PDB file of all heavy atoms in Angstrom:
ATOM      1  N   ALA A   1       3.711   1.896 -11.491  1.00  0.00           N
ATOM      2  CA  ALA A   1       3.407   2.371 -12.842  1.00  0.00           C
ATOM      3  C   ALA A   1       3.819   3.829 -13.026  1.00  0.00           C
ATOM      4  O   ALA A   1       4.223   4.239 -14.116  1.00  0.00           O
ATOM      5  CB  ALA A   1       1.924   2.203 -13.128  1.00  0.00           C
ATOM      6  N   LYS A   2       3.721   4.600 -11.946  1.00  0.00           N
ATOM      7  CA  LYS A   2       4.080   6.014 -12.009  1.00  0.00           C
ATOM      8  C   LYS A   2       5.483   6.290 -11.482  1.00  0.00           C
ATOM      9  O   LYS A   2       5.943   7.430 -11.506  1.00  0.00           O
ATOM     10  CB  LYS A   2       3.076   6.846 -11.217  1.00  0.00           C
ATOM     11  CG  LYS A   2       1.668   6.833 -11.791  1.00  0.00           C
ATOM     12  CD  LYS A   2       0.743   7.725 -10.974  1.00  0.00           C
ATOM     13  CE  LYS A   2      -0.653   7.733 -11.565  1.00  0.00           C
ATOM     14  NZ  LYS A   2      -1.588   8.578 -10.769  1.00  0.00           N
ATOM     15  N   ASN A   3       6.140   5.254 -10.980  1.00  0.00           N
ATOM     16  CA  ASN A   3       7.483   5.415 -10.404  1.00  0.00           C
ATOM     17  C   ASN A   3       7.493   6.407  -9.241  1.00  0.00           C
ATOM     18  O   ASN A   3       8.392   7.254  -9.115  1.00  0.00           O
ATOM     19  CB  ASN A   3       8.495   5.858 -11.468  1.00  0.00           C
ATOM     20  CG  ASN A   3       9.408   4.723 -11.903  1.00  0.00           C
ATOM     21  OD1 ASN A   3       9.011   3.560 -11.893  1.00  0.00           O
ATOM     22  ND2 ASN A   3      10.622   5.052 -12.275  1.00  0.00           N
ATOM     23  N   ILE A   4       6.499   6.300  -8.393  1.00  0.00           N
ATOM     24  CA  ILE A   4       6.376   7.211  -7.250  1.00  0.00           C
ATOM     25  C   ILE A   4       6.088   6.410  -5.984  1.00  0.00           C
ATOM     26  O   ILE A   4       5.346   5.427  -6.019  1.00  0.00           O
ATOM     27  CB  ILE A   4       5.255   8.247  -7.466  1.00  0.00           C
ATOM     28  CG1 ILE A   4       5.579   9.147  -8.646  1.00  0.00           C
ATOM     29  CG2 ILE A   4       5.066   9.101  -6.215  1.00  0.00           C
ATOM     30  CD1 ILE A   4       4.503  10.169  -8.937  1.00  0.00           C
ATOM     31  N   ALA A   5       6.665   6.867  -4.881  1.00  0.00           N
ATOM     32  CA  ALA A   5       6.358   6.331  -3.565  1.00  0.00           C
ATOM     33  C   ALA A   5       5.785   7.450  -2.701  1.00  0.00           C
ATOM     34  O   ALA A   5       6.038   8.631  -2.952  1.00  0.00           O
ATOM     35  CB  ALA A   5       7.612   5.764  -2.911  1.00  0.00           C
ATOM     36  N   TYR A   6       5.001   7.035  -1.711  1.00  0.00           N
ATOM     37  CA  TYR A   6       4.339   8.015  -0.863  1.00  0.00           C
ATOM     38  C   TYR A   6       4.529   7.660   0.612  1.00  0.00           C
ATOM     39  O   TYR A   6       4.699   6.494   0.968  1.00  0.00           O
ATOM     40  CB  TYR A   6       2.831   8.048  -1.154  1.00  0.00           C
ATOM     41  CG  TYR A   6       2.479   8.360  -2.577  1.00  0.00           C
ATOM     42  CD1 TYR A   6       2.148   7.345  -3.470  1.00  0.00           C
ATOM     43  CD2 TYR A   6       2.468   9.669  -3.038  1.00  0.00           C
ATOM     44  CE1 TYR A   6       1.817   7.631  -4.785  1.00  0.00           C
ATOM     45  CE2 TYR A   6       2.132   9.969  -4.353  1.00  0.00           C
ATOM     46  CZ  TYR A   6       1.812   8.939  -5.217  1.00  0.00           C
ATOM     47  OH  TYR A   6       1.488   9.234  -6.519  1.00  0.00           O
ATOM     48  N   LEU A   7       4.449   8.671   1.425  1.00  0.00           N
ATOM     49  CA  LEU A   7       4.366   8.471   2.875  1.00  0.00           C
ATOM     50  C   LEU A   7       3.259   9.386   3.383  1.00  0.00           C
ATOM     51  O   LEU A   7       3.431  10.607   3.418  1.00  0.00           O
ATOM     52  CB  LEU A   7       5.688   8.788   3.565  1.00  0.00           C
ATOM     53  CG  LEU A   7       5.722   8.483   5.065  1.00  0.00           C
ATOM     54  CD1 LEU A   7       5.653   6.965   5.294  1.00  0.00           C
ATOM     55  CD2 LEU A   7       6.982   9.053   5.724  1.00  0.00           C
ATOM     56  N   GLN A   8       2.127   8.788   3.720  1.00  0.00           N
ATOM     57  CA  GLN A   8       1.018   9.542   4.292  1.00  0.00           C
ATOM     58  C   GLN A   8       1.249   9.649   5.787  1.00  0.00           C
ATOM     59  O   GLN A   8       1.380   8.628   6.467  1.00  0.00           O
ATOM     60  CB  GLN A   8      -0.306   8.838   4.003  1.00  0.00           C
ATOM     61  CG  GLN A   8      -1.516   9.515   4.618  1.00  0.00           C
ATOM     62  CD  GLN A   8      -1.814  10.860   3.988  1.00  0.00           C
ATOM     63  OE1 GLN A   8      -1.764  11.018   2.775  1.00  0.00           O
ATOM     64  NE2 GLN A   8      -2.134  11.851   4.829  1.00  0.00           N
ATOM     65  N   MET A   9       1.266  10.869   6.279  1.00  0.00           N
ATOM     66  CA  MET A   9       1.555  11.110   7.693  1.00  0.00           C
ATOM     67  C   MET A   9       0.371  11.814   8.327  1.00  0.00           C
ATOM     68  O   MET A   9       0.032  12.941   7.949  1.00  0.00           O
ATOM     69  CB  MET A   9       2.820  11.957   7.832  1.00  0.00           C
ATOM     70  CG  MET A   9       4.018  11.377   7.111  1.00  0.00           C
ATOM     71  SD  MET A   9       5.545  12.252   7.463  1.00  0.00           S
ATOM     72  CE  MET A   9       5.160  13.861   6.789  1.00  0.00           C
ATOM     73  N   ASN A  10      -0.267  11.137   9.268  1.00  0.00           N
ATOM     74  CA  ASN A  10      -1.416  11.691   9.975  1.00  0.00           C
ATOM     75  C   ASN A  10      -1.088  11.888  11.448  1.00  0.00           C
ATOM     76  O   ASN A  10      -0.117  11.334  11.953  1.00  0.00           O
ATOM     77  CB  ASN A  10      -2.619  10.759   9.839  1.00  0.00           C
ATOM     78  CG  ASN A  10      -3.052  10.558   8.400  1.00  0.00           C
ATOM     79  OD1 ASN A  10      -2.911  11.450   7.561  1.00  0.00           O
ATOM     80  ND2 ASN A  10      -3.577   9.387   8.099  1.00  0.00           N
ATOM     81  N   SER A  11      -1.916  12.662  12.118  1.00  0.00           N
ATOM     82  CA  SER A  11      -1.746  12.905  13.566  1.00  0.00           C
ATOM     83  C   SER A  11      -0.316  13.302  13.887  1.00  0.00           C
ATOM     84  O   SER A  11       0.302  12.761  14.812  1.00  0.00           O
ATOM     85  CB  SER A  11      -2.149  11.643  14.352  1.00  0.00           C
ATOM     86  OG  SER A  11      -3.474  11.277  14.074  1.00  0.00           O
ATOM     87  N   LEU A  12       0.194  14.240  13.144  1.00  0.00           N
ATOM     88  CA  LEU A  12       1.594  14.622  13.294  1.00  0.00           C
ATOM     89  C   LEU A  12       1.858  15.256  14.651  1.00  0.00           C
ATOM     90  O   LEU A  12       0.998  15.962  15.214  1.00  0.00           O
ATOM     91  CB  LEU A  12       2.007  15.555  12.160  1.00  0.00           C
ATOM     92  CG  LEU A  12       2.272  14.832  10.842  1.00  0.00           C
ATOM     93  CD1 LEU A  12       2.200  15.777   9.668  1.00  0.00           C
ATOM     94  CD2 LEU A  12       3.625  14.131  10.882  1.00  0.00           C
ATOM     95  N   LYS A  13       3.062  14.996  15.147  1.00  0.00           N
ATOM     96  CA  LYS A  13       3.492  15.479  16.459  1.00  0.00           C
ATOM     97  C   LYS A  13       4.766  16.303  16.306  1.00  0.00           C
ATOM     98  O   LYS A  13       5.503  16.136  15.331  1.00  0.00           O
ATOM     99  CB  LYS A  13       3.777  14.286  17.375  1.00  0.00           C
ATOM    100  CG  LYS A  13       2.616  13.325  17.540  1.00  0.00           C
ATOM    101  CD  LYS A  13       3.042  12.123  18.367  1.00  0.00           C
ATOM    102  CE  LYS A  13       1.890  11.143  18.539  1.00  0.00           C
ATOM    103  NZ  LYS A  13       2.299   9.968  19.349  1.00  0.00           N
ATOM    104  N   PRO A  14       5.055  17.153  17.268  1.00  0.00           N
ATOM    105  CA  PRO A  14       6.304  17.928  17.185  1.00  0.00           C
ATOM    106  C   PRO A  14       7.538  17.051  17.027  1.00  0.00           C
ATOM    107  O   PRO A  14       8.494  17.441  16.335  1.00  0.00           O
ATOM    108  CB  PRO A  14       6.322  18.683  18.515  1.00  0.00           C
ATOM    109  CG  PRO A  14       4.887  18.851  18.863  1.00  0.00           C
ATOM    110  CD  PRO A  14       4.217  17.592  18.404  1.00  0.00           C
ATOM    111  N   GLU A  15       7.524  15.872  17.627  1.00  0.00           N
ATOM    112  CA  GLU A  15       8.684  14.984  17.512  1.00  0.00           C
ATOM    113  C   GLU A  15       8.843  14.379  16.129  1.00  0.00           C
ATOM    114  O   GLU A  15       9.845  13.703  15.861  1.00  0.00           O
ATOM    115  CB  GLU A  15       8.632  13.882  18.577  1.00  0.00           C
ATOM    116  CG  GLU A  15       7.322  13.141  18.631  1.00  0.00           C
ATOM    117  CD  GLU A  15       6.404  13.682  19.712  1.00  0.00           C
ATOM    118  OE1 GLU A  15       6.276  14.926  19.842  1.00  0.00           O
ATOM    119  OE2 GLU A  15       5.781  12.855  20.423  1.00  0.00           O
ATOM    120  N   ASP A  16       7.889  14.598  15.244  1.00  0.00           N
ATOM    121  CA  ASP A  16       8.031  14.162  13.852  1.00  0.00           C
ATOM    122  C   ASP A  16       8.811  15.174  13.017  1.00  0.00           C
ATOM    123  O   ASP A  16       9.119  14.912  11.849  1.00  0.00           O
ATOM    124  CB  ASP A  16       6.661  13.951  13.211  1.00  0.00           C
ATOM    125  CG  ASP A  16       5.881  12.826  13.862  1.00  0.00           C
ATOM    126  OD1 ASP A  16       6.481  11.776  14.164  1.00  0.00           O
ATOM    127  OD2 ASP A  16       4.661  12.994  14.073  1.00  0.00           O
ATOM    128  N   THR A  17       9.118  16.302  13.593  1.00  0.00           N
ATOM    129  CA  THR A  17       9.872  17.330  12.873  1.00  0.00           C
ATOM    130  C   THR A  17      11.246  16.806  12.473  1.00  0.00           C
ATOM    131  O   THR A  17      12.014  16.323  13.306  1.00  0.00           O
ATOM    132  CB  THR A  17      10.038  18.580  13.749  1.00  0.00           C
ATOM    133  OG1 THR A  17       8.751  19.159  13.979  1.00  0.00           O
ATOM    134  CG2 THR A  17      10.937  19.605  13.080  1.00  0.00           C
ATOM    135  N   ALA A  18      11.541  16.887  11.173  1.00  0.00           N
ATOM    136  CA  ALA A  18      12.795  16.356  10.645  1.00  0.00           C
ATOM    137  C   ALA A  18      12.839  16.616   9.146  1.00  0.00           C
ATOM    138  O   ALA A  18      11.833  17.005   8.536  1.00  0.00           O
ATOM    139  CB  ALA A  18      12.912  14.861  10.912  1.00  0.00           C
ATOM    140  N   VAL A  19      13.999  16.363   8.573  1.00  0.00           N
ATOM    141  CA  VAL A  19      14.098  16.254   7.122  1.00  0.00           C
ATOM    142  C   VAL A  19      13.821  14.800   6.770  1.00  0.00           C
ATOM    143  O   VAL A  19      14.416  13.889   7.364  1.00  0.00           O
ATOM    144  CB  VAL A  19      15.488  16.679   6.615  1.00  0.00           C
ATOM    145  CG1 VAL A  19      15.573  16.488   5.102  1.00  0.00           C
ATOM    146  CG2 VAL A  19      15.775  18.122   6.998  1.00  0.00           C
ATOM    147  N   TYR A  20      12.929  14.589   5.839  1.00  0.00           N
ATOM    148  CA  TYR A  20      12.527  13.247   5.430  1.00  0.00           C
ATOM    149  C   TYR A  20      13.152  12.907   4.079  1.00  0.00           C
ATOM    150  O   TYR A  20      13.097  13.708   3.145  1.00  0.00           O
ATOM    151  CB  TYR A  20      11.007  13.155   5.340  1.00  0.00           C
ATOM    152  CG  TYR A  20      10.363  13.034   6.704  1.00  0.00           C
ATOM    153  CD1 TYR A  20      10.317  14.127   7.569  1.00  0.00           C
ATOM    154  CD2 TYR A  20       9.818  11.835   7.147  1.00  0.00           C
ATOM    155  CE1 TYR A  20       9.746  14.020   8.824  1.00  0.00           C
ATOM    156  CE2 TYR A  20       9.233  11.719   8.402  1.00  0.00           C
ATOM    157  CZ  TYR A  20       9.211  12.821   9.242  1.00  0.00           C
ATOM    158  OH  TYR A  20       8.652  12.709  10.486  1.00  0.00           O
ATOM    159  N   TYR A  21      13.719  11.703   4.020  1.00  0.00           N
ATOM    160  CA  TYR A  21      14.400  11.242   2.824  1.00  0.00           C
ATOM    161  C   TYR A  21      13.770   9.939   2.330  1.00  0.00           C
ATOM    162  O   TYR A  21      13.424   9.075   3.142  1.00  0.00           O
ATOM    163  CB  TYR A  21      15.865  10.946   3.125  1.00  0.00           C
ATOM    164  CG  TYR A  21      16.662  12.116   3.647  1.00  0.00           C
ATOM    165  CD1 TYR A  21      16.710  12.391   5.006  1.00  0.00           C
ATOM    166  CD2 TYR A  21      17.386  12.929   2.774  1.00  0.00           C
ATOM    167  CE1 TYR A  21      17.454  13.461   5.496  1.00  0.00           C
ATOM    168  CE2 TYR A  21      18.135  13.993   3.250  1.00  0.00           C
ATOM    169  CZ  TYR A  21      18.155  14.246   4.611  1.00  0.00           C
ATOM    170  OH  TYR A  21      18.898  15.302   5.083  1.00  0.00           O
ATOM    171  N   CYS A  22      13.698   9.785   1.028  1.00  0.00           N
ATOM    172  CA  CYS A  22      13.372   8.467   0.487  1.00  0.00           C
ATOM    173  C   CYS A  22      14.657   7.843  -0.059  1.00  0.00           C
ATOM    174  O   CYS A  22      15.618   8.552  -0.392  1.00  0.00           O
ATOM    175  CB  CYS A  22      12.295   8.542  -0.578  1.00  0.00           C
ATOM    176  SG  CYS A  22      12.721   9.476  -2.055  1.00  0.00           S
ATOM    177  N   ALA A  23      14.652   6.529  -0.118  1.00  0.00           N
ATOM    178  CA  ALA A  23      15.838   5.801  -0.541  1.00  0.00           C
ATOM    179  C   ALA A  23      15.429   4.511  -1.229  1.00  0.00           C
ATOM    180  O   ALA A  23      14.340   3.978  -0.976  1.00  0.00           O
ATOM    181  CB  ALA A  23      16.719   5.503   0.671  1.00  0.00           C
ATOM    182  N   LEU A  24      16.307   4.024  -2.089  1.00  0.00           N
ATOM    183  CA  LEU A  24      16.059   2.788  -2.825  1.00  0.00           C
ATOM    184  C   LEU A  24      17.103   1.727  -2.482  1.00  0.00           C
ATOM    185  O   LEU A  24      18.280   2.046  -2.298  1.00  0.00           O
ATOM    186  CB  LEU A  24      16.115   3.034  -4.334  1.00  0.00           C
ATOM    187  CG  LEU A  24      15.122   4.011  -4.938  1.00  0.00           C
ATOM    188  CD1 LEU A  24      15.251   3.983  -6.459  1.00  0.00           C
ATOM    189  CD2 LEU A  24      13.702   3.698  -4.516  1.00  0.00           C
ATOM    190  N   GLU A  25      16.641   0.502  -2.438  1.00  0.00           N
ATOM    191  CA  GLU A  25      17.506  -0.651  -2.193  1.00  0.00           C
ATOM    192  C   GLU A  25      17.162  -1.701  -3.234  1.00  0.00           C
ATOM    193  O   GLU A  25      15.993  -1.991  -3.452  1.00  0.00           O
ATOM    194  CB  GLU A  25      17.245  -1.150  -0.781  1.00  0.00           C
ATOM    195  CG  GLU A  25      18.144  -2.297  -0.322  1.00  0.00           C
ATOM    196  CD  GLU A  25      17.588  -3.656  -0.646  1.00  0.00           C
ATOM    197  OE1 GLU A  25      16.410  -3.900  -0.353  1.00  0.00           O
ATOM    198  OE2 GLU A  25      18.333  -4.475  -1.222  1.00  0.00           O
ATOM    199  N   PRO A  26      18.175  -2.266  -3.913  1.00  0.00           N
ATOM    200  CA  PRO A  26      17.883  -3.137  -5.065  1.00  0.00           C
ATOM    201  C   PRO A  26      17.406  -4.539  -4.699  1.00  0.00           C
ATOM    202  O   PRO A  26      17.900  -5.518  -5.226  1.00  0.00           O
ATOM    203  CB  PRO A  26      19.215  -3.173  -5.813  1.00  0.00           C
ATOM    204  CG  PRO A  26      20.247  -2.974  -4.748  1.00  0.00           C
ATOM    205  CD  PRO A  26      19.624  -2.042  -3.767  1.00  0.00           C
ATOM    206  N   ASN A  27      16.467  -4.629  -3.776  1.00  0.00           N
ATOM    207  CA  ASN A  27      15.755  -5.873  -3.521  1.00  0.00           C
ATOM    208  C   ASN A  27      16.693  -7.050  -3.257  1.00  0.00           C
ATOM    209  O   ASN A  27      16.517  -8.141  -3.820  1.00  0.00           O
ATOM    210  CB  ASN A  27      14.828  -6.188  -4.704  1.00  0.00           C
ATOM    211  CG  ASN A  27      13.757  -7.193  -4.348  1.00  0.00           C
ATOM    212  OD1 ASN A  27      13.304  -7.271  -3.214  1.00  0.00           O
ATOM    213  ND2 ASN A  27      13.352  -7.982  -5.320  1.00  0.00           N
ATOM    214  N   ARG A  28      17.679  -6.816  -2.402  1.00  0.00           N
ATOM    215  CA  ARG A  28      18.654  -7.877  -2.126  1.00  0.00           C
ATOM    216  C   ARG A  28      18.007  -9.073  -1.433  1.00  0.00           C
ATOM    217  O   ARG A  28      18.476 -10.197  -1.558  1.00  0.00           O
ATOM    218  CB  ARG A  28      19.799  -7.328  -1.281  1.00  0.00           C
ATOM    219  CG  ARG A  28      20.674  -6.326  -2.015  1.00  0.00           C
ATOM    220  CD  ARG A  28      21.843  -5.893  -1.156  1.00  0.00           C
ATOM    221  NE  ARG A  28      22.741  -4.998  -1.874  1.00  0.00           N
ATOM    222  CZ  ARG A  28      22.641  -3.688  -1.858  1.00  0.00           C
ATOM    223  NH1 ARG A  28      21.680  -3.120  -1.151  1.00  0.00           N
ATOM    224  NH2 ARG A  28      23.491  -2.934  -2.534  1.00  0.00           N
ATOM    225  N   ILE A  29      16.973  -8.819  -0.673  1.00  0.00           N
ATOM    226  CA  ILE A  29      16.236  -9.910  -0.031  1.00  0.00           C
ATOM    227  C   ILE A  29      14.815  -9.832  -0.573  1.00  0.00           C
ATOM    228  O   ILE A  29      13.979  -9.090  -0.061  1.00  0.00           O
ATOM    229  CB  ILE A  29      16.238  -9.783   1.498  1.00  0.00           C
ATOM    230  CG1 ILE A  29      17.666  -9.644   2.013  1.00  0.00           C
ATOM    231  CG2 ILE A  29      15.530 -10.967   2.132  1.00  0.00           C
ATOM    232  CD1 ILE A  29      17.767  -9.417   3.502  1.00  0.00           C
ATOM    233  N   PRO A  30      14.520 -10.611  -1.601  1.00  0.00           N
ATOM    234  CA  PRO A  30      13.213 -10.502  -2.259  1.00  0.00           C
ATOM    235  C   PRO A  30      12.050 -10.668  -1.299  1.00  0.00           C
ATOM    236  O   PRO A  30      12.061 -11.544  -0.438  1.00  0.00           O
ATOM    237  CB  PRO A  30      13.251 -11.638  -3.293  1.00  0.00           C
ATOM    238  CG  PRO A  30      14.695 -11.822  -3.590  1.00  0.00           C
ATOM    239  CD  PRO A  30      15.398 -11.582  -2.270  1.00  0.00           C
ATOM    240  N   GLY A  31      11.087  -9.785  -1.427  1.00  0.00           N
ATOM    241  CA  GLY A  31       9.887  -9.887  -0.612  1.00  0.00           C
ATOM    242  C   GLY A  31       9.987  -9.271   0.754  1.00  0.00           C
ATOM    243  O   GLY A  31       9.011  -9.272   1.500  1.00  0.00           O
ATOM    244  N   MET A  32      11.149  -8.724   1.077  1.00  0.00           N
ATOM    245  CA  MET A  32      11.357  -8.157   2.406  1.00  0.00           C
ATOM    246  C   MET A  32      11.774  -6.697   2.292  1.00  0.00           C
ATOM    247  O   MET A  32      12.118  -6.208   1.223  1.00  0.00           O
ATOM    248  CB  MET A  32      12.444  -8.935   3.138  1.00  0.00           C
ATOM    249  CG  MET A  32      12.178 -10.409   3.276  1.00  0.00           C
ATOM    250  SD  MET A  32      10.798 -10.758   4.374  1.00  0.00           S
ATOM    251  CE  MET A  32      11.541 -10.319   5.943  1.00  0.00           C
ATOM    252  N   CYS A  33      11.740  -6.006   3.419  1.00  0.00           N
ATOM    253  CA  CYS A  33      12.335  -4.678   3.483  1.00  0.00           C
ATOM    254  C   CYS A  33      12.786  -4.422   4.919  1.00  0.00           C
ATOM    255  O   CYS A  33      12.286  -5.058   5.853  1.00  0.00           O
ATOM    256  CB  CYS A  33      11.363  -3.585   3.005  1.00  0.00           C
ATOM    257  SG  CYS A  33       9.999  -3.211   4.132  1.00  0.00           S
TER     258      CYS A  33
END
């Protein structure tokens, strides 16, 4: 409804350091990702 996605990240570790990207895929396989 808001056209927003989230990624909640808890218990973060040094190895999680990175640039994080979101991306869209036009549902080529319905119901899957």
